[in-house]
Amino acid sequence: MNLADLDASAPFALLGPGFADGGFLLLENLAPSSRGNLVFAPYERRGREATRLHGVSRRLQPPVFPGDLPDLAPALEADDHERCVERIRQAIAAGDVYQVCLTRPARLPPVSGSLLFAAMCAGGAARFAAWVRLPDGTEFVSASPELFFEIRDGCVRSEPMKGTARPGAGGELALSGKDAAELAMITDLVRNDLTPVCEPGTISVACARRFVELPYAVQTVADVEGRLRGRVGPLGVLDALHPGGSVTGAPKHAALRMIRTLERRPRGAYCGALAYGGGRVWTCSLLIRTAQRDAAGWTYGVGGGIVFDSEPAREMDELHVKLGALRCAGRR
C-alpha cells in the first residue's frame, strides 16, 4: 500500500509486526465499541478508563516507503534537565523514591503522518510500529520496541525495558551496575503490579536481563510471566500495570508525584499504551519512541531512569541516543 493514501483517511490504526504476527495490519473506520479490538490509554488516564475501539481489519503487504524522506531535525526542550536530575537525586538521598523516569519533549516540524511513519521505520520497522488516528482527532506515530504485556491462553508476559547504550556499546552496558540496578528495580515493580491479577505463586522472572539491538541503540530487557486469575482480561491487566514501571519509576506512586512536579506538560500518547487483539490473545505496546500531532507539528518524547548514581551529562547523552529513532531516515 501507499502510505500517503492514509493521510486523508478516516480514523484508522496501522499496526506493525509485533501486533500482526510479523506483518502489517490496517484497522479502518475506527469507532468506539465496548467489545472493540483496539485499546488506547494515554499516560494520564487510568487503565480502566482506556478507550476501546472497533475497526475493520485487513492484512497488508509491507507499506511502500517514499525514497525522499524529510530531515526531522528534532529540537529537544531540556533547558532544566540538570536541575531536575539533581532534584530527583536529592529525593533519593532523602529516602522518598528510588528511581524516577524523567522525560523531555522534542519538537518536530509539521510533516505528514505518512512521512513521519516512514522516517521512523527507515532503519527497519520497529517491533510495535504504529500510526493511529482516533475519532476524537488524536493522532500519533510510534516506533516502540517495548512489549507492555501480552495475554495468551490465560498467561501474561511483560518485558520491561531499562538501560540504554549507543550501537556497538553492549559490552559497556553489560558492565554498568547503574543500568543493571535500574532494570532490577523495574522488574520487581512489574512483578508487584501483576500480583493482583495473577494466580498466587505463578509470577516469575523468566529472564532477568537480556540485550536487544536496535538500529540506533542497545537496550536491556527482562521477561516477567504469570498466570492470570480466572476472568481477568486485557483491561484488567492494563489497569494493574498502567502507567508502565519503565516510564515512571519506583516506588511507582512516589515517582508519579515527582513526575507531576518536574514535567511541564502532559505526556499524552507518549508513555501510554496501545493494545490489539481479541478473545484469549492480546498484545499491548508501551508507547515509547512516540510522537503526537499538535497544532504546531509533532511532539516526540524521550526519557530515562534517574537513580542516585545518575550524572546529568550522561543522562542527556541517553536522551540523544533515543532521538536516534528519528534519524534513521538519514542513514538509509
Protein backbone atom coordinates (compact mmCIF):
# COMPACT_ATOMS: atom_id res chain seq x y z
CA MET A 1 0.00 0.00 0.00
CA ASN A 2 0.99 3.64 -0.43
CA LEU A 3 1.29 5.26 2.99
CA ALA A 4 0.26 8.66 1.64
CA ASP A 5 -3.23 7.26 0.97
CA LEU A 6 -3.80 7.29 4.74
CA ASP A 7 -3.02 10.99 5.21
CA ALA A 8 -6.61 11.95 4.41
CA SER A 9 -8.18 8.75 5.71
CA ALA A 10 -10.96 8.37 8.28
CA PRO A 11 -9.89 7.16 11.76
CA PHE A 12 -7.58 4.18 11.44
CA ALA A 13 -4.72 2.26 13.02
CA LEU A 14 -1.76 0.94 11.03
CA LEU A 15 -0.05 -1.67 13.19
CA GLY A 16 3.38 -3.20 12.70
CA PRO A 17 4.94 -6.65 13.05
CA GLY A 18 4.66 -7.12 16.83
CA PHE A 19 0.90 -6.70 16.65
CA ALA A 20 0.36 -8.65 13.43
CA ASP A 21 2.50 -11.82 13.62
CA GLY A 22 5.33 -10.28 11.64
CA GLY A 23 3.32 -8.37 9.06
CA PHE A 24 1.26 -5.18 8.94
CA LEU A 25 -2.38 -4.73 9.82
CA LEU A 26 -4.75 -1.88 8.99
CA LEU A 27 -7.83 -1.21 11.10
CA GLU A 28 -10.18 1.11 9.21
CA ASN A 29 -13.18 3.21 10.25
CA LEU A 30 -12.34 3.12 13.94
CA ALA A 31 -15.30 3.79 16.22
CA PRO A 32 -15.83 3.41 19.98
CA SER A 33 -17.06 -0.03 20.97
CA SER A 34 -17.24 -1.84 24.30
CA ARG A 35 -16.08 -5.00 22.52
CA GLY A 36 -13.53 -3.39 20.23
CA ASN A 37 -10.27 -4.94 19.07
CA LEU A 38 -8.12 -1.84 19.74
CA VAL A 39 -7.47 -0.28 23.16
CA PHE A 40 -5.68 3.03 23.80
CA ALA A 41 -4.80 4.67 27.10
CA PRO A 42 -2.79 7.91 27.21
CA TYR A 43 -0.27 8.21 30.02
CA GLU A 44 -2.53 10.33 32.23
CA ARG A 45 -5.64 8.12 32.02
CA ARG A 46 -6.34 5.15 34.30
CA GLY A 47 -6.16 1.78 32.59
CA ARG A 48 -9.82 1.07 33.40
CA GLU A 49 -10.71 4.32 31.59
CA ALA A 50 -8.98 3.32 28.35
CA THR A 51 -10.68 3.99 25.03
CA ARG A 52 -11.81 0.81 23.31
CA LEU A 53 -12.50 0.91 19.58
CA HIS A 54 -13.51 -1.42 16.78
CA GLY A 55 -12.07 -1.29 13.30
CA VAL A 56 -12.42 -3.45 10.21
CA SER A 57 -9.05 -5.16 9.90
CA ARG A 58 -7.12 -6.33 6.87
CA ARG A 59 -3.59 -7.62 6.49
CA LEU A 60 -1.24 -5.68 4.25
CA GLN A 61 1.93 -6.14 2.33
CA PRO A 62 4.72 -4.04 3.85
CA PRO A 63 4.00 -0.36 3.13
CA VAL A 64 5.81 1.40 0.33
CA PHE A 65 8.12 3.94 1.95
CA PRO A 66 8.93 7.07 -0.08
CA GLY A 67 12.54 7.39 -1.21
CA ASP A 68 12.89 11.07 -0.27
CA LEU A 69 12.38 11.32 3.49
CA PRO A 70 12.44 14.55 5.48
CA ASP A 71 15.13 15.68 7.89
CA LEU A 72 13.10 15.74 11.08
CA ALA A 73 15.72 17.81 12.95
CA PRO A 74 14.27 17.27 16.45
CA ALA A 75 14.64 20.25 18.79
CA LEU A 76 14.97 18.91 22.34
CA GLU A 77 13.39 21.07 25.06
CA ALA A 78 15.64 20.30 28.04
CA ASP A 79 16.91 23.57 29.49
CA ASP A 80 16.09 22.48 33.04
CA HIS A 81 17.24 18.87 32.69
CA GLU A 82 20.25 19.19 35.01
CA ARG A 83 18.16 20.86 37.73
CA CYS A 84 15.52 18.13 37.54
CA VAL A 85 18.11 15.35 37.73
CA GLU A 86 19.54 16.96 40.86
CA ARG A 87 16.04 17.30 42.39
CA ILE A 88 15.50 13.58 41.90
CA ARG A 89 18.90 12.71 43.37
CA GLN A 90 18.03 14.77 46.45
CA ALA A 91 14.72 12.95 46.81
CA ILE A 92 16.51 9.60 46.55
CA ALA A 93 19.03 10.68 49.20
CA ALA A 94 16.11 11.61 51.46
CA GLY A 95 14.58 8.15 51.00
CA ASP A 96 11.48 9.45 49.20
CA VAL A 97 12.00 7.46 45.98
CA TYR A 98 14.49 5.04 44.41
CA GLN A 99 14.18 5.86 40.71
CA VAL A 100 12.24 8.34 38.57
CA CYS A 101 11.81 8.27 34.80
CA LEU A 102 12.33 11.87 33.72
CA THR A 103 11.14 12.75 30.21
CA ARG A 104 11.53 15.73 27.96
CA PRO A 105 9.77 16.71 24.70
CA ALA A 106 11.38 17.30 21.33
CA ARG A 107 9.67 19.43 18.71
CA LEU A 108 9.30 18.13 15.15
CA PRO A 109 8.16 20.02 12.05
CA PRO A 110 4.58 19.71 10.71
CA VAL A 111 5.27 16.88 8.25
CA SER A 112 2.55 14.47 7.19
CA GLY A 113 1.84 11.37 9.23
CA SER A 114 2.91 9.17 6.34
CA LEU A 115 6.34 10.83 6.09
CA LEU A 116 6.87 10.67 9.85
CA PHE A 117 5.92 6.98 9.96
CA ALA A 118 8.23 6.27 7.01
CA ALA A 119 11.11 8.16 8.62
CA MET A 120 10.71 6.30 11.90
CA CYS A 121 10.66 2.96 10.06
CA ALA A 122 13.51 3.76 7.67
CA GLY A 123 16.03 1.66 9.60
CA GLY A 124 13.52 -1.22 9.74
CA ALA A 125 10.01 -1.23 11.13
CA ALA A 126 10.05 -1.21 14.92
CA ARG A 127 8.51 -4.24 16.61
CA PHE A 128 5.46 -2.21 17.65
CA ALA A 129 5.40 0.37 14.89
CA ALA A 130 2.03 2.12 14.80
CA TRP A 131 0.32 5.08 13.18
CA VAL A 132 -3.04 5.82 14.77
CA ARG A 133 -5.70 8.46 14.14
CA LEU A 134 -8.62 8.31 16.57
CA PRO A 135 -12.18 9.60 16.07
CA ASP A 136 -11.54 12.45 18.55
CA GLY A 137 -8.65 13.74 16.40
CA THR A 138 -5.81 12.31 18.50
CA GLU A 139 -3.03 11.20 16.16
CA PHE A 140 0.29 9.60 17.00
CA VAL A 141 3.12 7.69 15.38
CA SER A 142 5.13 5.17 17.38
CA ALA A 143 8.30 3.17 16.80
CA SER A 144 8.11 1.40 20.15
CA PRO A 145 10.33 -1.63 20.78
CA GLU A 146 8.73 -2.39 24.17
CA LEU A 147 6.13 -5.05 24.89
CA PHE A 148 3.99 -3.73 27.74
CA PHE A 149 2.16 -7.03 28.04
CA GLU A 150 0.91 -9.99 26.06
CA ILE A 151 -2.01 -12.20 27.04
CA ARG A 152 -2.11 -15.65 25.53
CA ASP A 153 -4.31 -18.52 26.70
CA GLY A 154 -4.65 -17.27 30.25
CA CYS A 155 -0.98 -16.31 30.75
CA VAL A 156 0.52 -12.82 30.78
CA ARG A 157 4.04 -11.71 29.90
CA SER A 158 5.61 -8.28 30.32
CA GLU A 159 9.01 -7.17 29.00
CA PRO A 160 10.14 -4.04 30.90
CA MET A 161 12.98 -2.23 29.14
CA LYS A 162 15.59 -0.22 31.07
CA GLY A 163 19.21 0.52 30.23
CA THR A 164 20.41 2.16 27.01
CA ALA A 165 23.69 2.47 25.14
CA ARG A 166 24.78 3.55 21.69
CA PRO A 167 25.03 0.89 18.95
CA GLY A 168 28.04 -1.31 19.49
CA ALA A 169 28.32 -0.44 23.18
CA GLY A 170 26.63 -3.56 24.50
CA GLY A 171 29.76 -4.57 26.40
CA GLU A 172 29.79 -1.26 28.26
CA LEU A 173 26.09 -1.65 29.05
CA ALA A 174 26.67 -5.18 30.34
CA LEU A 175 29.20 -3.86 32.85
CA SER A 176 27.06 -0.92 34.03
CA GLY A 177 25.92 -1.52 37.60
CA LYS A 178 23.68 1.54 37.38
CA ASP A 179 21.78 0.21 34.37
CA ALA A 180 21.52 -3.27 35.87
CA ALA A 181 20.07 -1.78 39.06
CA GLU A 182 17.53 0.26 37.07
CA LEU A 183 16.25 -2.84 35.30
CA ALA A 184 16.17 -4.90 38.51
CA MET A 185 14.07 -2.23 40.29
CA ILE A 186 11.54 -2.02 37.47
CA THR A 187 11.38 -5.80 37.08
CA ASP A 188 10.45 -6.06 40.75
CA LEU A 189 7.87 -3.29 40.30
CA VAL A 190 6.24 -5.15 37.38
CA ARG A 191 6.10 -8.34 39.44
CA ASN A 192 4.33 -6.38 42.17
CA ASP A 193 1.92 -4.73 39.72
CA LEU A 194 0.93 -8.13 38.28
CA THR A 195 0.19 -9.64 41.71
CA PRO A 196 -3.49 -8.55 41.93
CA VAL A 197 -4.36 -10.06 38.51
CA CYS A 198 -2.32 -13.30 38.65
CA GLU A 199 -2.82 -16.57 40.45
CA PRO A 200 -0.76 -16.71 43.66
CA GLY A 201 2.68 -18.21 43.21
CA THR A 202 2.65 -18.08 39.39
CA ILE A 203 4.63 -14.87 38.77
CA SER A 204 8.24 -15.50 37.77
CA VAL A 205 11.13 -13.76 36.05
CA ALA A 206 11.89 -15.95 33.05
CA CYS A 207 14.93 -13.83 32.15
CA ALA A 208 16.40 -11.19 34.45
CA ARG A 209 18.42 -9.36 31.78
CA ARG A 210 18.86 -9.74 28.04
CA PHE A 211 20.07 -7.42 25.31
CA VAL A 212 18.11 -6.02 22.38
CA GLU A 213 19.90 -4.49 19.38
CA LEU A 214 18.06 -1.60 17.71
CA PRO A 215 19.26 0.42 14.71
CA TYR A 216 20.08 3.36 16.98
CA ALA A 217 20.71 1.77 20.42
CA VAL A 218 21.33 -1.29 22.56
CA GLN A 219 18.81 -1.83 25.35
CA THR A 220 18.27 -4.33 28.15
CA VAL A 221 15.02 -6.14 28.85
CA ALA A 222 13.62 -8.54 31.45
CA ASP A 223 10.85 -11.12 30.98
CA VAL A 224 8.16 -11.37 33.67
CA GLU A 225 5.43 -14.00 33.39
CA GLY A 226 2.37 -15.12 35.31
CA ARG A 227 -0.93 -16.98 35.03
CA LEU A 228 -3.99 -14.74 35.13
CA ARG A 229 -6.83 -15.14 37.60
CA GLY A 230 -9.96 -16.64 36.09
CA ARG A 231 -11.79 -13.79 34.34
CA VAL A 232 -9.08 -11.13 34.08
CA GLY A 233 -8.91 -9.69 30.56
CA PRO A 234 -6.89 -7.00 28.78
CA LEU A 235 -8.46 -4.04 30.58
CA GLY A 236 -7.82 -5.69 33.94
CA VAL A 237 -4.15 -6.23 33.12
CA LEU A 238 -3.87 -2.71 31.70
CA ASP A 239 -5.40 -1.25 34.85
CA ALA A 240 -2.90 -3.17 37.00
CA LEU A 241 0.20 -2.14 35.02
CA HIS A 242 -0.57 1.31 33.60
CA PRO A 243 1.31 3.62 33.53
CA GLY A 244 4.25 1.32 32.96
CA GLY A 245 7.02 0.99 35.52
CA SER A 246 9.73 1.56 32.94
CA VAL A 247 8.34 5.05 32.22
CA THR A 248 7.51 6.01 35.82
CA GLY A 249 9.95 4.68 38.44
CA ALA A 250 9.96 3.05 41.85
CA PRO A 251 8.11 3.10 44.12
CA LYS A 252 5.58 3.94 41.43
CA HIS A 253 3.29 6.33 43.34
CA ALA A 254 6.21 8.33 44.74
CA ALA A 255 7.75 8.51 41.25
CA LEU A 256 4.43 9.67 39.78
CA ARG A 257 4.26 12.52 42.31
CA MET A 258 7.76 13.69 41.31
CA ILE A 259 6.94 13.45 37.62
CA ARG A 260 3.89 15.69 38.10
CA THR A 261 6.11 18.21 39.87
CA LEU A 262 9.03 18.20 37.41
CA GLU A 263 7.46 17.77 33.96
CA ARG A 264 5.91 20.86 32.44
CA ARG A 265 3.30 19.29 30.15
CA PRO A 266 1.16 16.15 29.87
CA ARG A 267 2.80 13.19 28.15
CA GLY A 268 -0.39 12.24 26.30
CA ALA A 269 0.07 9.31 23.92
CA TYR A 270 3.79 9.17 24.76
CA CYS A 271 4.27 6.61 27.57
CA GLY A 272 0.69 5.47 27.11
CA ALA A 273 -0.47 2.03 25.98
CA LEU A 274 -1.80 0.59 22.71
CA ALA A 275 -3.32 -2.89 22.62
CA TYR A 276 -4.74 -5.02 19.82
CA GLY A 277 -6.35 -8.43 19.97
CA GLY A 278 -9.43 -10.43 20.72
CA GLY A 279 -10.55 -13.41 22.74
CA ARG A 280 -7.64 -15.06 24.58
CA VAL A 281 -4.84 -13.27 22.71
CA TRP A 282 -3.90 -9.59 23.19
CA THR A 283 -0.71 -7.64 22.53
CA CYS A 284 -0.03 -4.25 24.12
CA SER A 285 2.89 -1.93 23.43
CA LEU A 286 4.22 0.72 25.77
CA LEU A 287 4.24 3.88 23.66
CA ILE A 288 7.86 4.99 23.90
CA ARG A 289 9.59 6.42 20.80
CA THR A 290 6.28 8.09 20.09
CA ALA A 291 5.27 11.42 18.52
CA GLN A 292 1.85 13.04 18.89
CA ARG A 293 0.47 15.62 16.48
CA ASP A 294 -0.50 19.07 17.76
CA ALA A 295 -1.32 22.42 16.18
CA ALA A 296 2.34 23.27 15.52
CA GLY A 297 3.57 19.90 14.29
CA TRP A 298 4.57 16.94 16.41
CA THR A 299 5.90 16.42 19.93
CA TYR A 300 8.22 13.44 20.45
CA GLY A 301 9.10 12.34 23.98
CA VAL A 302 12.39 10.97 25.26
CA GLY A 303 13.32 10.00 28.79
CA GLY A 304 15.46 7.92 31.09
CA GLY A 305 15.51 6.49 34.58
CA ILE A 306 17.27 8.70 37.13
CA VAL A 307 18.92 7.00 40.11
CA PHE A 308 21.29 8.37 42.74
CA ASP A 309 24.34 7.49 40.59
CA SER A 310 22.97 9.43 37.60
CA GLU A 311 25.14 12.14 36.05
CA PRO A 312 23.23 14.84 34.13
CA ALA A 313 25.61 14.79 31.14
CA ARG A 314 25.32 11.03 30.72
CA GLU A 315 21.55 11.17 31.13
CA MET A 316 21.42 13.85 28.43
CA ASP A 317 23.50 11.61 26.16
CA GLU A 318 20.90 8.87 26.65
CA LEU A 319 18.15 11.23 25.51
CA HIS A 320 20.09 11.92 22.32
CA VAL A 321 20.58 8.18 21.74
CA LYS A 322 16.80 7.74 21.88
CA LEU A 323 16.32 10.60 19.44
CA GLY A 324 18.13 8.28 17.03
CA ALA A 325 14.80 6.64 16.21
CA LEU A 326 14.03 9.86 14.29
CA ARG A 327 17.37 9.90 12.49
CA CYS A 328 17.22 6.50 10.84
CA ALA A 329 15.97 8.14 7.64
CA GLY A 330 19.31 9.88 7.20
CA ARG A 331 21.17 6.55 7.39
CA ARG A 332 19.25 4.62 4.72
